N, C-alpha and C. Protein backbone atom coordinates (compact mmCIF):
# COMPACT_ATOMS: atom_id res chain seq x y z
N MET A 1 0.68 -1.23 0.09
CA MET A 1 0.08 -0.08 -0.03
C MET A 1 1.06 1.16 0.03
N THR A 2 2.28 1.01 0.45
CA THR A 2 2.90 2.40 0.07
C THR A 2 3.42 2.41 -1.15
N GLY A 3 4.20 3.87 -1.44
CA GLY A 3 4.49 4.05 -2.56
C GLY A 3 4.10 5.19 -3.33
N PRO A 4 4.31 5.37 -4.64
CA PRO A 4 3.79 6.71 -5.29
C PRO A 4 2.23 6.59 -5.46
N ALA A 5 1.90 7.69 -5.98
CA ALA A 5 0.50 7.89 -5.92
C ALA A 5 0.10 7.25 -7.19
N PRO A 6 -0.88 6.66 -7.20
CA PRO A 6 -1.37 6.03 -8.40
C PRO A 6 -1.70 6.65 -9.79
N ARG A 7 -1.37 5.89 -10.80
CA ARG A 7 -1.45 6.84 -11.98
C ARG A 7 -3.15 6.89 -12.47
N PRO A 8 -3.29 7.65 -13.39
CA PRO A 8 -4.84 8.25 -13.60
C PRO A 8 -4.99 6.89 -14.06
N GLY A 9 -6.47 6.64 -13.82
CA GLY A 9 -7.25 5.42 -13.64
C GLY A 9 -6.87 4.12 -12.72
N GLN A 10 -6.04 4.47 -12.07
CA GLN A 10 -5.54 3.24 -11.09
C GLN A 10 -6.56 3.53 -9.59
N ARG A 11 -6.82 2.33 -9.29
CA ARG A 11 -7.73 2.40 -7.97
C ARG A 11 -7.03 2.92 -6.84
N ARG A 12 -7.50 3.74 -5.83
CA ARG A 12 -7.01 4.35 -4.92
C ARG A 12 -7.35 3.16 -3.52
N THR A 13 -6.16 3.52 -2.84
CA THR A 13 -6.50 2.22 -1.54
C THR A 13 -7.27 2.84 -0.47
N GLY A 14 -7.27 1.67 0.33
CA GLY A 14 -8.04 2.03 1.74
C GLY A 14 -7.09 2.60 2.46
N ALA A 15 -5.87 2.79 2.34
CA ALA A 15 -5.01 3.74 2.89
C ALA A 15 -5.09 5.03 2.54
N ASP A 16 -5.25 4.92 1.66
CA ASP A 16 -5.57 6.86 1.39
C ASP A 16 -6.92 7.55 2.07
N ALA A 17 -7.93 6.76 2.59
CA ALA A 17 -9.18 7.15 3.15
C ALA A 17 -8.75 7.13 4.42
N MET A 18 -8.00 6.41 4.91
CA MET A 18 -7.39 6.27 6.21
C MET A 18 -6.56 7.28 6.74
N LEU A 19 -5.53 7.91 5.64
CA LEU A 19 -4.76 8.90 6.00
C LEU A 19 -5.75 10.10 5.79
N ARG A 20 -6.49 10.38 4.95
CA ARG A 20 -7.36 11.66 4.75
C ARG A 20 -8.23 11.95 5.90
N VAL A 21 -8.92 10.74 6.31
CA VAL A 21 -9.69 10.85 7.93
C VAL A 21 -9.02 10.76 8.99
N ASP A 22 -7.46 10.38 9.31
CA ASP A 22 -6.73 10.46 10.17
C ASP A 22 -6.01 12.17 10.25
N GLN A 23 -5.77 12.47 9.12
CA GLN A 23 -5.26 13.86 8.95
C GLN A 23 -6.67 14.93 9.67
N ALA A 24 -7.46 14.43 8.97
CA ALA A 24 -8.79 15.58 9.25
C ALA A 24 -8.92 15.36 10.99
N GLY A 25 -9.13 13.92 11.40
CA GLY A 25 -9.24 14.17 12.87
C GLY A 25 -8.17 14.77 13.64
N GLU A 26 -7.03 14.82 13.22
CA GLU A 26 -6.06 15.54 14.04
C GLU A 26 -6.00 17.21 13.65
N TYR A 27 -6.53 17.34 12.72
CA TYR A 27 -6.46 18.90 12.30
C TYR A 27 -8.18 19.39 13.57
N GLY A 28 -9.02 18.62 13.36
CA GLY A 28 -10.08 18.80 14.06
C GLY A 28 -9.90 18.90 15.71
N ALA A 29 -9.05 18.14 16.17
CA ALA A 29 -8.69 18.09 17.58
C ALA A 29 -7.90 19.42 17.47
N ILE A 30 -7.01 19.55 17.19
CA ILE A 30 -6.21 20.94 16.83
C ILE A 30 -7.39 22.08 17.09
N ARG A 31 -8.14 22.20 16.21
CA ARG A 31 -9.10 23.30 16.53
C ARG A 31 -10.19 23.12 17.55
N ILE A 32 -10.56 21.85 18.12
CA ILE A 32 -11.22 22.14 19.57
C ILE A 32 -10.35 22.60 20.39
N TYR A 33 -9.17 22.00 20.61
CA TYR A 33 -8.26 22.85 21.63
C TYR A 33 -8.02 24.25 21.21
N ALA A 34 -7.91 24.43 20.43
CA ALA A 34 -7.86 26.25 20.01
C ALA A 34 -9.22 26.85 20.57
N GLY A 35 -10.13 26.23 20.43
CA GLY A 35 -11.41 26.66 20.88
C GLY A 35 -11.46 26.93 22.39
N GLN A 36 -11.13 25.70 22.96
CA GLN A 36 -10.92 25.51 24.37
C GLN A 36 -10.14 26.47 24.76
N LEU A 37 -8.90 26.75 24.46
CA LEU A 37 -8.13 27.79 25.05
C LEU A 37 -8.57 29.27 24.93
N ALA A 38 -9.40 29.25 23.65
CA ALA A 38 -9.61 30.92 23.66
C ALA A 38 -10.83 31.16 24.80
N VAL A 39 -11.40 30.35 24.90
CA VAL A 39 -12.37 30.59 26.05
C VAL A 39 -11.76 30.43 27.62
N LEU A 40 -11.04 29.68 27.60
CA LEU A 40 -10.36 29.20 28.95
C LEU A 40 -9.26 30.42 29.34
N GLY A 41 -8.74 30.39 28.35
CA GLY A 41 -7.42 31.31 28.65
C GLY A 41 -5.89 30.71 28.96
N ASP A 42 -4.95 31.35 29.02
CA ASP A 42 -3.73 30.73 29.18
C ASP A 42 -3.50 30.82 30.72
N ARG A 43 -4.37 31.42 31.52
CA ARG A 43 -4.03 31.10 33.15
C ARG A 43 -4.83 30.23 34.00
N HIS A 44 -5.63 29.82 33.13
CA HIS A 44 -6.79 28.70 33.94
C HIS A 44 -5.90 27.48 34.08
N PRO A 45 -6.03 26.73 35.30
CA PRO A 45 -5.07 25.46 35.48
C PRO A 45 -5.24 24.44 34.29
N MET A 46 -6.46 24.49 33.59
CA MET A 46 -6.39 23.10 32.56
C MET A 46 -5.58 23.71 31.11
N SER A 47 -5.24 24.84 31.22
CA SER A 47 -4.68 25.21 29.69
C SER A 47 -3.30 24.65 29.59
N ARG A 48 -2.74 24.26 30.70
CA ARG A 48 -1.17 23.99 30.25
C ARG A 48 -1.43 22.52 29.68
N GLU A 49 -2.61 21.74 30.50
CA GLU A 49 -2.87 20.16 30.11
C GLU A 49 -3.16 20.32 28.53
N ILE A 50 -4.04 21.30 28.01
CA ILE A 50 -4.94 21.34 26.63
C ILE A 50 -3.75 21.80 25.89
N ALA A 51 -2.93 22.54 26.00
CA ALA A 51 -1.82 22.97 25.23
C ALA A 51 -0.87 21.97 24.78
N ARG A 52 -0.55 21.04 26.12
CA ARG A 52 0.23 19.85 25.76
C ARG A 52 -0.40 19.01 24.92
N MET A 53 -1.54 18.65 25.03
CA MET A 53 -2.37 17.52 24.16
C MET A 53 -2.34 18.47 22.55
N ALA A 54 -2.66 19.60 22.62
CA ALA A 54 -2.65 20.11 21.26
C ALA A 54 -1.50 20.06 20.68
N ALA A 55 -0.40 20.57 21.34
CA ALA A 55 0.82 20.02 20.53
C ALA A 55 1.15 19.02 20.21
N GLN A 56 0.44 17.84 20.79
CA GLN A 56 0.87 16.24 20.62
C GLN A 56 -0.24 16.14 19.20
N GLU A 57 -1.48 16.76 19.23
CA GLU A 57 -2.30 16.53 18.00
C GLU A 57 -1.47 17.16 16.83
N GLU A 58 -1.04 18.39 17.05
CA GLU A 58 -0.15 19.03 15.92
C GLU A 58 1.05 18.27 15.38
N ARG A 59 1.44 17.34 16.29
CA ARG A 59 3.05 16.63 15.58
C ARG A 59 2.04 15.63 14.88
N HIS A 60 1.17 14.92 15.40
CA HIS A 60 0.52 13.82 14.51
C HIS A 60 -0.07 14.40 12.97
N ARG A 61 -0.82 15.83 13.23
CA ARG A 61 -1.36 16.34 11.86
C ARG A 61 -0.15 16.22 10.79
N LYS A 62 1.22 16.70 11.52
CA LYS A 62 2.17 16.83 10.61
C LYS A 62 2.74 15.80 10.01
N HIS A 63 2.39 14.86 10.63
CA HIS A 63 3.06 13.66 10.16
C HIS A 63 2.14 13.06 9.10
N PHE A 64 1.02 13.03 9.37
CA PHE A 64 -0.28 12.39 8.54
C PHE A 64 0.03 13.50 7.26
N ASP A 65 0.22 14.87 7.31
CA ASP A 65 0.48 15.55 6.20
C ASP A 65 1.60 15.23 5.47
N ALA A 66 2.87 14.84 6.26
CA ALA A 66 3.87 14.38 5.28
C ALA A 66 3.32 13.22 4.48
N MET A 67 2.93 12.23 5.20
CA MET A 67 2.60 11.15 4.40
C MET A 67 1.36 11.25 3.12
N MET A 68 0.72 12.31 3.43
CA MET A 68 -0.27 12.33 2.44
C MET A 68 0.54 12.87 1.32
N ALA A 69 1.46 13.87 1.35
CA ALA A 69 2.05 14.71 0.23
C ALA A 69 2.81 13.34 -0.31
N GLN A 70 3.70 12.63 0.29
CA GLN A 70 4.52 11.71 0.24
C GLN A 70 3.64 10.68 -0.87
N ARG A 71 2.41 10.19 -0.51
CA ARG A 71 1.61 9.27 -1.14
C ARG A 71 0.50 10.00 -2.27
N GLY A 72 0.54 11.39 -2.34
CA GLY A 72 -0.21 12.06 -3.33
C GLY A 72 -1.63 11.77 -2.86
N VAL A 73 -1.95 11.95 -1.34
CA VAL A 73 -3.32 11.62 -0.98
C VAL A 73 -3.91 12.99 -0.83
N ARG A 74 -5.19 13.65 -1.29
CA ARG A 74 -5.50 14.86 -1.15
C ARG A 74 -6.49 15.11 0.57
N PRO A 75 -6.41 15.87 0.77
CA PRO A 75 -7.26 15.99 2.18
C PRO A 75 -8.55 16.16 2.04
N THR A 76 -9.27 15.92 2.84
CA THR A 76 -10.68 15.92 2.72
C THR A 76 -11.26 17.15 2.36
N MET A 77 -12.41 17.30 1.74
CA MET A 77 -12.88 18.53 1.34
C MET A 77 -13.62 19.37 2.15
N LEU A 78 -13.97 18.82 3.56
CA LEU A 78 -14.25 18.90 4.36
C LEU A 78 -13.42 20.14 5.55
N GLN A 79 -12.14 20.28 4.84
CA GLN A 79 -11.25 20.81 5.84
C GLN A 79 -12.13 22.25 6.26
N PRO A 80 -12.32 23.01 5.66
CA PRO A 80 -12.78 24.32 6.07
C PRO A 80 -14.05 24.17 6.92
N PHE A 81 -14.87 23.11 6.91
CA PHE A 81 -15.77 22.81 7.94
C PHE A 81 -15.13 22.61 9.03
N TRP A 82 -14.47 21.63 9.17
CA TRP A 82 -13.96 21.14 10.30
C TRP A 82 -13.18 22.44 11.00
N HIS A 83 -12.68 23.09 10.23
CA HIS A 83 -12.03 24.60 10.96
C HIS A 83 -12.84 25.00 11.84
N VAL A 84 -14.06 25.44 11.46
CA VAL A 84 -14.96 26.11 12.22
C VAL A 84 -15.94 25.20 13.14
N ALA A 85 -15.89 23.96 12.41
CA ALA A 85 -16.87 23.32 13.70
C ALA A 85 -15.86 22.74 14.66
N GLY A 86 -14.63 22.55 14.44
CA GLY A 86 -13.72 22.26 15.70
C GLY A 86 -13.89 23.14 16.30
N PHE A 87 -13.51 24.34 15.99
CA PHE A 87 -13.07 25.49 16.90
C PHE A 87 -14.51 25.94 17.75
N ALA A 88 -15.56 25.64 17.33
CA ALA A 88 -17.08 26.18 17.67
C ALA A 88 -17.47 24.97 18.83
N LEU A 89 -16.85 23.75 18.45
CA LEU A 89 -17.13 22.74 19.50
C LEU A 89 -16.26 22.82 20.91
N GLY A 90 -15.03 23.14 20.39
CA GLY A 90 -14.03 23.46 21.72
C GLY A 90 -14.60 24.45 22.54
N ALA A 91 -14.86 25.78 22.13
CA ALA A 91 -15.29 26.84 22.69
C ALA A 91 -16.79 26.79 23.44
N ALA A 92 -17.51 26.11 22.95
CA ALA A 92 -18.96 25.77 23.53
C ALA A 92 -18.74 24.80 24.83
N THR A 93 -17.98 24.02 24.52
CA THR A 93 -17.97 22.80 25.49
C THR A 93 -17.10 23.79 26.92
N ALA A 94 -15.88 24.49 26.41
CA ALA A 94 -15.21 25.02 27.48
C ALA A 94 -16.33 26.58 28.21
N LEU A 95 -17.12 26.90 27.50
CA LEU A 95 -17.97 27.71 28.05
C LEU A 95 -19.26 27.10 29.05
N LEU A 96 -19.33 25.83 28.73
CA LEU A 96 -19.69 25.00 30.06
C LEU A 96 -19.14 24.87 31.05
N GLY A 97 -17.93 25.15 31.11
CA GLY A 97 -16.97 24.86 32.01
C GLY A 97 -15.58 23.65 31.61
N PRO A 98 -14.73 23.73 32.57
CA PRO A 98 -13.45 23.07 32.53
C PRO A 98 -14.16 21.75 32.07
N GLN A 99 -14.93 21.29 33.23
CA GLN A 99 -15.07 19.69 33.06
C GLN A 99 -16.14 19.23 31.72
N ALA A 100 -16.61 20.34 31.11
CA ALA A 100 -17.31 19.88 29.89
C ALA A 100 -16.38 20.00 28.94
N ALA A 101 -15.08 20.58 29.10
CA ALA A 101 -13.96 20.51 27.92
C ALA A 101 -13.41 19.41 27.96
N MET A 102 -13.35 18.73 29.24
CA MET A 102 -12.45 17.53 29.43
C MET A 102 -13.19 16.38 28.85
N ALA A 103 -14.65 16.67 29.19
CA ALA A 103 -15.90 15.66 28.53
C ALA A 103 -15.73 15.40 27.11
N CYS A 104 -15.37 16.72 26.63
CA CYS A 104 -15.19 16.73 25.06
C CYS A 104 -14.07 15.74 24.46
N THR A 105 -12.89 16.27 25.15
CA THR A 105 -11.96 15.37 25.02
C THR A 105 -12.13 14.14 25.18
N ALA A 106 -12.50 13.71 26.41
CA ALA A 106 -12.68 12.05 26.32
C ALA A 106 -13.80 11.12 26.02
N ALA A 107 -14.91 11.73 25.16
CA ALA A 107 -15.37 11.57 24.51
C ALA A 107 -14.90 11.20 22.93
N ILE A 108 -14.34 12.10 22.19
CA ILE A 108 -13.74 12.32 20.94
C ILE A 108 -12.26 10.99 20.89
N GLU A 109 -11.66 11.08 22.31
CA GLU A 109 -10.25 10.23 22.49
C GLU A 109 -11.04 8.51 22.11
N THR A 110 -12.19 8.58 23.00
CA THR A 110 -12.92 6.93 22.95
C THR A 110 -13.31 6.78 21.72
N GLU A 111 -13.69 7.52 20.94
CA GLU A 111 -13.98 7.17 19.79
C GLU A 111 -12.62 6.97 18.81
N ILE A 112 -11.83 7.71 19.07
CA ILE A 112 -10.65 7.57 18.00
C ILE A 112 -9.83 6.30 18.68
N ASP A 113 -9.89 6.22 19.96
CA ASP A 113 -9.12 4.75 19.85
C ASP A 113 -9.82 3.55 19.55
N ASP A 114 -11.50 3.65 19.64
CA ASP A 114 -12.03 2.51 18.75
C ASP A 114 -11.44 2.53 17.18
N HIS A 115 -11.79 3.76 16.76
CA HIS A 115 -11.28 4.11 15.12
C HIS A 115 -9.93 3.67 15.14
N TYR A 116 -8.86 4.10 15.51
CA TYR A 116 -7.70 3.36 15.36
C TYR A 116 -7.46 2.11 15.60
N GLY A 117 -7.92 1.50 16.10
CA GLY A 117 -8.38 -0.02 16.37
C GLY A 117 -8.68 -0.47 15.45
N ARG A 118 -9.67 -0.26 14.79
CA ARG A 118 -10.16 -0.84 13.54
C ARG A 118 -9.56 -0.82 12.48
N GLN A 119 -8.75 0.17 12.32
CA GLN A 119 -7.77 0.80 11.06
C GLN A 119 -6.54 -0.20 11.34
N LEU A 120 -6.13 -0.27 12.40
CA LEU A 120 -5.03 -1.48 12.64
C LEU A 120 -5.40 -2.76 12.18
N ASP A 121 -6.59 -3.40 12.71
CA ASP A 121 -7.06 -4.62 12.12
C ASP A 121 -7.39 -4.60 10.69
N ASP A 122 -7.80 -3.61 10.18
CA ASP A 122 -7.61 -3.62 8.64
C ASP A 122 -6.42 -3.67 7.84
N LEU A 123 -5.48 -2.83 8.64
CA LEU A 123 -4.31 -3.06 7.69
C LEU A 123 -3.66 -4.20 7.94
N GLY A 124 -3.67 -5.02 9.09
CA GLY A 124 -3.00 -6.02 9.16
C GLY A 124 -1.46 -5.60 9.07
N GLY A 125 -1.12 -6.52 8.20
CA GLY A 125 0.60 -6.05 8.27
C GLY A 125 0.93 -5.43 6.91
N GLN A 126 0.01 -4.92 6.04
CA GLN A 126 -0.01 -4.46 4.68
C GLN A 126 0.78 -3.21 4.55
N ASP A 127 0.83 -2.41 5.45
CA ASP A 127 1.37 -0.96 5.52
C ASP A 127 1.93 -0.66 6.81
N PRO A 128 3.16 -1.33 6.96
CA PRO A 128 3.74 -1.23 8.25
C PRO A 128 4.10 0.67 8.70
N GLU A 129 4.39 1.33 7.81
CA GLU A 129 4.65 3.01 7.93
C GLU A 129 3.08 3.58 8.52
N LEU A 130 1.95 3.14 7.85
CA LEU A 130 0.78 4.00 8.41
C LEU A 130 0.58 3.00 9.78
N SER A 131 0.51 1.93 9.98
CA SER A 131 0.35 1.20 11.11
C SER A 131 1.09 1.59 12.00
N GLY A 132 2.40 1.55 12.15
CA GLY A 132 3.31 2.23 13.12
C GLY A 132 3.02 3.38 13.36
N ALA A 133 2.20 4.54 12.75
CA ALA A 133 2.12 5.89 12.98
C ALA A 133 0.74 5.68 13.66
N ILE A 134 -0.48 5.03 13.28
CA ILE A 134 -1.38 4.89 13.78
C ILE A 134 -1.60 4.21 15.42
N ALA A 135 -0.74 3.13 15.30
CA ALA A 135 -0.36 2.72 16.76
C ALA A 135 0.24 3.61 18.09
N ASP A 136 1.30 4.30 17.43
CA ASP A 136 1.92 5.26 18.04
C ASP A 136 1.05 6.51 18.37
N PHE A 137 0.10 7.10 17.56
CA PHE A 137 -0.59 8.14 18.14
C PHE A 137 -1.93 7.65 18.69
N ARG A 138 -2.10 6.43 18.33
CA ARG A 138 -3.41 6.02 19.44
C ARG A 138 -2.88 5.58 20.84
N ALA A 139 -1.78 5.42 21.00
CA ALA A 139 -1.51 5.31 22.69
C ALA A 139 -1.53 7.00 23.15
N GLU A 140 -1.31 8.01 22.32
CA GLU A 140 -1.28 9.22 22.85
C GLU A 140 -2.65 9.47 23.04
N GLU A 141 -3.42 9.26 22.07
CA GLU A 141 -4.75 9.78 22.23
C GLU A 141 -5.48 8.94 23.65
N VAL A 142 -5.12 7.40 23.75
CA VAL A 142 -5.39 7.05 25.00
C VAL A 142 -5.04 7.77 26.00
N GLU A 143 -3.67 8.47 26.28
CA GLU A 143 -3.42 9.01 27.23
C GLU A 143 -4.24 10.35 27.47
N HIS A 144 -4.74 11.27 26.24
CA HIS A 144 -5.32 12.21 26.48
C HIS A 144 -6.78 11.87 27.24
N ARG A 145 -7.55 10.74 26.64
CA ARG A 145 -8.78 10.39 27.60
C ARG A 145 -8.57 10.31 28.87
N GLU A 146 -7.22 9.85 29.37
CA GLU A 146 -7.08 9.50 30.92
C GLU A 146 -6.95 10.69 31.31
N THR A 147 -5.93 11.56 30.84
CA THR A 147 -5.71 12.74 31.38
C THR A 147 -7.41 13.56 31.83
N ALA A 148 -8.24 13.44 30.46
CA ALA A 148 -9.54 13.93 30.52
C ALA A 148 -10.31 13.56 31.91
N ILE A 149 -10.46 12.41 32.06
CA ILE A 149 -10.95 11.75 33.14
C ILE A 149 -10.56 12.02 34.31
N ALA A 150 -9.04 12.22 34.47
CA ALA A 150 -8.36 12.47 35.46
C ALA A 150 -8.55 13.65 36.03
N HIS A 151 -9.07 14.66 34.78
CA HIS A 151 -9.29 16.24 35.36
C HIS A 151 -10.90 16.38 35.44
N GLY A 152 -11.56 15.78 35.50
CA GLY A 152 -13.01 15.66 35.78
C GLY A 152 -13.91 15.68 34.64
N ALA A 153 -13.71 15.32 33.65
CA ALA A 153 -14.87 14.94 32.44
C ALA A 153 -15.82 14.34 32.94
N GLU A 154 -15.96 13.27 33.69
CA GLU A 154 -17.10 12.44 33.92
C GLU A 154 -18.07 13.43 35.41
N SER A 155 -17.38 14.66 35.56
CA SER A 155 -18.42 15.51 36.48
C SER A 155 -19.18 16.35 35.84
N ALA A 156 -19.03 16.57 34.65
CA ALA A 156 -19.56 17.50 33.45
C ALA A 156 -20.67 17.65 33.65
N PRO A 157 -21.52 18.61 33.50
CA PRO A 157 -23.18 18.79 33.56
C PRO A 157 -23.84 17.71 32.70
N ALA A 158 -24.52 17.16 32.61
CA ALA A 158 -25.20 15.97 31.81
C ALA A 158 -24.24 15.19 31.19
N TYR A 159 -23.22 14.74 31.98
CA TYR A 159 -21.91 14.09 30.88
C TYR A 159 -22.61 12.92 29.89
N PRO A 160 -23.26 12.10 30.60
CA PRO A 160 -23.87 11.02 29.32
C PRO A 160 -24.21 11.51 28.31
N LEU A 161 -25.38 12.45 28.43
CA LEU A 161 -25.73 13.27 26.99
C LEU A 161 -24.72 13.95 26.20
N LEU A 162 -23.90 14.61 27.02
CA LEU A 162 -22.98 15.32 26.39
C LEU A 162 -21.86 14.50 25.45
N SER A 163 -21.30 13.59 26.31
CA SER A 163 -20.28 12.50 25.49
C SER A 163 -21.34 11.98 24.56
N GLY A 164 -22.37 11.39 24.87
CA GLY A 164 -23.01 10.57 23.72
C GLY A 164 -23.29 11.61 22.47
N LEU A 165 -23.57 12.60 22.61
CA LEU A 165 -23.33 13.66 21.26
C LEU A 165 -22.61 13.48 20.79
N ILE A 166 -21.27 14.11 21.44
CA ILE A 166 -19.95 14.22 20.80
C ILE A 166 -19.20 13.00 20.17
N ARG A 167 -19.61 11.82 20.84
CA ARG A 167 -19.17 10.67 20.04
C ARG A 167 -20.08 10.67 19.08
N LEU A 168 -21.36 10.68 18.59
CA LEU A 168 -22.04 10.57 17.59
C LEU A 168 -21.66 11.56 16.34
N GLY A 169 -21.23 12.66 16.97
CA GLY A 169 -20.57 13.63 15.99
C GLY A 169 -19.16 13.16 15.63
N CYS A 170 -18.70 12.76 16.32
CA CYS A 170 -17.34 12.15 15.90
C CYS A 170 -17.33 11.03 14.77
N ARG A 171 -18.59 10.04 15.18
CA ARG A 171 -18.66 9.10 14.35
C ARG A 171 -19.17 9.50 12.67
N ALA A 172 -19.75 10.53 12.95
CA ALA A 172 -20.34 10.88 11.54
C ALA A 172 -19.03 11.72 10.66
N ALA A 173 -18.36 12.72 11.68
CA ALA A 173 -16.88 13.20 11.06
C ALA A 173 -16.07 12.20 10.31
N ILE A 174 -16.12 11.14 10.98
CA ILE A 174 -15.18 10.04 10.10
C ILE A 174 -15.73 9.69 9.09
N THR A 175 -17.05 9.28 9.08
CA THR A 175 -17.53 8.94 8.22
C THR A 175 -17.65 9.51 6.87
N LEU A 176 -17.60 11.10 7.02
CA LEU A 176 -17.61 12.18 5.87
C LEU A 176 -16.51 12.23 5.44
N SER A 177 -15.50 12.11 6.31
CA SER A 177 -13.97 12.49 5.96
C SER A 177 -13.26 11.52 5.18
N GLN A 178 -13.64 10.26 5.29
CA GLN A 178 -13.21 9.29 4.74
C GLN A 178 -13.66 9.25 3.16
N ARG A 179 -14.95 9.86 2.77
CA ARG A 179 -15.48 9.86 1.70
C ARG A 179 -15.43 10.86 0.92
N LEU A 180 -15.11 12.07 1.21
CA LEU A 180 -15.19 13.44 0.88
C LEU A 180 -13.90 14.07 0.86
């Protein structure tokens, strides 16, 4: 599955869709954290943790950007939408309070853990470069979820409803970004 971009008429691989959606997800996460930081400011006790997680997401995005460029994979056409929607989700949850911001992170990272696990199963040993990146980044996403839970995610107002809605939105974003 690795190698040069397909020639005209050649079928794209499932790895292309994986790269597209993974890059979009990392981009969306960066925008969510930007929205949270815009509301909470840099003096809030959670800001340091949010900035640390955002920096890891930025590193993931850059890695996927480089892989996409190397393989000739286009980004999702929904990138402008994720730019706005990610920031709005981050800002909205932070407006509900720091625990709601952490609930957002916990919900999204739960879905990403599942998503990356499915991708690793689908890849098997066919694309070691992509599998390695996904496995490494998955471990950090799980750590983000654990951080969010440790910082009160489950104490957010209406946590089960908030988490469920965010997880549903995340699943929809994954499906759309794979295809468009």
